[in-house]
Amino acid sequence: MTMNSVVKKLNNKGVTLVELLVTVVLLTLVTGLISLAIDFGVRSFNKSNRKAEGQILCATLAASIKDELRYAKNVQGDDLGSLKFFSTNISVKNCSFSIADEGGNPVESGFIMLSTPQGEYDMVPKKTYVYDLKAKFTSFERDLTQPNPNFFKVGIQVLTQDDQIIAEEEFVVETLNG
C-alpha cells in the first residue's frame, strides 16, 4: 500500500449503513429506558402524593369531627343513624353527620357533611378531597351504659375511587356540654 491510498482511506468522511443502524438502535434503546424511568418516577410521585394528601384529609376530618362533637350540646342518640345534637359552631339544633356525593345524594363513602334542618355543611372544604379521594365512617358509637355516656368512639377511613384504603383513624372524643 502506498502512502496515498492510506491517506485516501482516512479521509473518507462518510458513515456506513451499519454504523447508522447501530447508532439508531442504541439511541432508541436509551430513549426507551429514559422514558420508562420518567414514567415510573411520575407514577411513584403521584402515589406518594395521594397517600400524603389522604393522611392530611383524614387528620383534618378527624379534627373537625372532634371539635364538632366536643362542643355539641343536647346530644341524643348512640350511633350515626340516631345522632342529633345542637352545633355550637353554627348555632343550629338537630344536627347530625352524613356522607354525600358531588350531587348531595347519600352514599356509603364520599364527602362527610354536617346535616342540619337548613341544609348540609361541609366538614372540610370539598377541595381538600384531592385525587378523587373519598371518606367514610368505619365506626361511630356512644356507650350509654357507662356512668359518663358522653364519650364517642369514631373511626374514619379515606379511600381512593376504587376503594383502596389510603388512611384511617380511630379516636375517642368526650362531649363537654352533654
Protein backbone atom coordinates (compact mmCIF):
# COMPACT_ATOMS: atom_id res chain seq x y z
CA MET A 1 0.00 0.00 0.00
CA THR A 2 1.21 3.34 -0.87
CA MET A 3 1.01 6.38 1.29
CA ASN A 4 -1.61 7.94 -0.98
CA SER A 5 -4.05 5.06 -0.57
CA VAL A 6 -3.76 5.16 3.27
CA VAL A 7 -4.41 8.91 3.34
CA LYS A 8 -7.30 8.47 0.92
CA LYS A 9 -8.99 5.84 3.18
CA LEU A 10 -8.56 8.01 6.30
CA ASN A 11 -10.10 10.99 4.54
CA ASN A 12 -13.31 9.03 3.84
CA LYS A 13 -15.77 11.05 5.95
CA GLY A 14 -18.96 9.09 5.24
CA VAL A 15 -20.84 6.78 7.65
CA THR A 16 -21.65 3.27 6.60
CA LEU A 17 -25.21 1.95 6.74
CA VAL A 18 -24.32 -0.50 9.52
CA GLU A 19 -22.87 2.28 11.68
CA LEU A 20 -26.00 4.36 11.13
CA LEU A 21 -28.32 1.46 12.06
CA VAL A 22 -26.33 0.66 15.21
CA THR A 23 -26.48 4.31 16.26
CA VAL A 24 -30.25 4.50 15.68
CA VAL A 25 -30.86 1.28 17.64
CA LEU A 26 -28.72 2.49 20.56
CA LEU A 27 -30.49 5.86 20.64
CA THR A 28 -33.87 4.12 20.56
CA LEU A 29 -32.92 1.85 23.47
CA VAL A 30 -31.55 4.71 25.56
CA THR A 31 -34.62 6.87 24.84
CA GLY A 32 -36.94 4.00 25.75
CA LEU A 33 -35.15 3.41 29.05
CA ILE A 34 -35.26 7.11 29.91
CA SER A 35 -38.97 7.21 29.06
CA LEU A 36 -39.69 4.22 31.31
CA ALA A 37 -37.70 5.75 34.16
CA ILE A 38 -39.58 9.05 33.88
CA ASP A 39 -42.95 7.26 33.74
CA PHE A 40 -42.06 5.19 36.81
CA GLY A 41 -40.93 8.30 38.67
CA VAL A 42 -44.15 10.18 37.87
CA ARG A 43 -46.32 7.25 38.97
CA SER A 44 -44.36 6.86 42.20
CA PHE A 45 -44.65 10.58 42.91
CA ASN A 46 -48.41 10.58 42.29
CA LYS A 47 -48.92 7.53 44.51
CA SER A 48 -46.83 9.03 47.30
CA ASN A 49 -48.55 12.40 46.98
CA ARG A 50 -52.03 10.80 47.01
CA LYS A 51 -51.13 8.90 50.18
CA ALA A 52 -49.83 12.05 51.87
CA GLU A 53 -52.92 14.04 50.87
CA GLY A 54 -55.11 11.19 52.15
CA GLN A 55 -53.40 11.26 55.52
CA ILE A 56 -53.83 15.03 55.72
CA LEU A 57 -57.51 14.72 54.76
CA CYS A 58 -58.07 12.02 57.40
CA ALA A 59 -56.41 14.10 60.13
CA THR A 60 -58.36 17.20 59.10
CA LEU A 61 -61.68 15.34 59.11
CA ALA A 62 -60.89 13.80 62.50
CA ALA A 63 -60.05 17.21 63.99
CA SER A 64 -63.21 18.73 62.53
CA ILE A 65 -65.45 15.94 63.84
CA LYS A 66 -63.73 16.03 67.25
CA ASP A 67 -64.37 19.77 67.52
CA GLU A 68 -68.00 19.40 66.45
CA LEU A 69 -68.72 16.61 68.95
CA ARG A 70 -66.63 18.06 71.77
CA TYR A 71 -68.63 21.32 71.88
CA ALA A 72 -72.03 19.89 70.91
CA LYS A 73 -74.99 20.38 73.27
CA ASN A 74 -78.13 18.31 73.87
CA VAL A 75 -76.60 15.19 72.32
CA GLN A 76 -79.16 12.44 71.67
CA GLY A 77 -78.70 9.00 70.12
CA ASP A 78 -75.98 6.41 70.34
CA ASP A 79 -74.95 5.79 66.73
CA LEU A 80 -74.58 7.62 63.44
CA GLY A 81 -78.16 6.93 62.35
CA SER A 82 -79.83 8.24 65.51
CA LEU A 83 -77.43 11.04 66.46
CA LYS A 84 -78.89 14.54 66.90
CA PHE A 85 -77.20 17.47 68.61
CA PHE A 86 -77.03 21.25 68.85
CA SER A 87 -74.00 22.51 66.96
CA THR A 88 -72.32 25.35 68.81
CA ASN A 89 -70.16 26.04 65.75
CA ILE A 90 -73.10 27.11 63.58
CA SER A 91 -75.75 27.54 66.33
CA VAL A 92 -78.27 25.10 64.84
CA LYS A 93 -80.13 22.26 66.56
CA ASN A 94 -80.95 18.75 65.25
CA CYS A 95 -77.58 18.36 63.53
CA SER A 96 -76.06 15.05 62.50
CA PHE A 97 -73.34 13.69 60.26
CA SER A 98 -73.94 12.31 56.78
CA ILE A 99 -71.97 11.25 53.73
CA ALA A 100 -72.88 12.60 50.30
CA ASP A 101 -71.59 12.52 46.74
CA GLU A 102 -70.94 15.55 44.48
CA GLY A 103 -74.67 15.97 43.87
CA GLY A 104 -75.58 15.79 47.56
CA ASN A 105 -77.04 12.27 47.34
CA PRO A 106 -76.44 9.97 50.32
CA VAL A 107 -73.71 7.38 49.69
CA GLU A 108 -71.60 4.98 51.75
CA SER A 109 -68.36 6.85 51.04
CA GLY A 110 -67.90 10.37 49.73
CA PHE A 111 -67.88 13.79 51.38
CA ILE A 112 -68.51 13.87 55.15
CA MET A 113 -71.13 16.53 55.83
CA LEU A 114 -72.82 18.18 58.80
CA SER A 115 -76.55 17.75 58.16
CA THR A 116 -78.89 20.38 59.58
CA PRO A 117 -82.55 21.31 59.04
CA GLN A 118 -81.30 24.25 56.94
CA GLY A 119 -79.14 22.07 54.69
CA GLU A 120 -75.77 20.37 54.64
CA TYR A 121 -72.44 21.94 55.50
CA ASP A 122 -69.03 20.62 54.52
CA MET A 123 -66.99 19.37 57.47
CA VAL A 124 -63.94 20.34 55.43
CA PRO A 125 -63.99 22.10 52.05
CA LYS A 126 -64.56 19.76 49.10
CA LYS A 127 -61.33 20.99 47.54
CA THR A 128 -59.42 19.10 50.23
CA TYR A 129 -60.65 15.81 48.70
CA VAL A 130 -57.89 15.86 46.07
CA TYR A 131 -57.00 12.94 43.77
CA ASP A 132 -60.69 11.88 43.81
CA LEU A 133 -60.40 10.74 47.42
CA LYS A 134 -63.49 9.97 49.48
CA ALA A 135 -64.17 9.30 53.15
CA LYS A 136 -66.45 7.17 55.28
CA PHE A 137 -67.16 6.32 58.89
CA THR A 138 -65.93 2.87 59.95
CA SER A 139 -67.36 3.16 63.44
CA PHE A 140 -69.48 5.64 65.31
CA GLU A 141 -70.81 4.60 68.68
CA ARG A 142 -71.69 6.00 72.05
CA ASP A 143 -71.83 3.76 75.10
CA LEU A 144 -74.88 4.87 77.08
CA THR A 145 -74.36 2.15 79.73
CA GLN A 146 -71.28 3.86 81.17
CA PRO A 147 -71.53 6.26 84.15
CA ASN A 148 -70.41 9.06 81.83
CA PRO A 149 -72.16 8.48 78.46
CA ASN A 150 -70.50 11.48 76.84
CA PHE A 151 -67.78 9.50 75.06
CA PHE A 152 -67.98 8.72 71.35
CA LYS A 153 -65.74 6.22 69.60
CA VAL A 154 -65.36 7.27 65.98
CA GLY A 155 -63.48 5.68 63.08
CA ILE A 156 -62.79 7.32 59.72
CA GLN A 157 -61.27 5.95 56.53
CA VAL A 158 -60.05 7.84 53.48
CA LEU A 159 -60.30 5.81 50.27
CA THR A 160 -59.50 6.04 46.59
CA GLN A 161 -62.26 5.78 44.00
CA ASP A 162 -61.57 2.03 43.69
CA ASP A 163 -61.96 1.65 47.50
CA GLN A 164 -58.30 1.25 48.41
CA ILE A 165 -57.72 2.47 51.96
CA ILE A 166 -55.27 5.38 51.98
CA ALA A 167 -55.54 6.41 55.64
CA GLU A 168 -57.66 5.61 58.66
CA GLU A 169 -58.01 6.93 62.16
CA GLU A 170 -59.94 5.88 65.24
CA PHE A 171 -60.41 8.24 68.13
CA VAL A 172 -62.46 8.80 71.25
CA VAL A 173 -63.96 12.20 71.91
CA GLU A 174 -65.73 13.46 75.01
CA THR A 175 -68.72 15.73 74.65
CA LEU A 176 -68.05 18.52 77.12
CA ASN A 177 -71.54 20.04 77.14
CA GLY A 178 -73.54 16.80 77.23
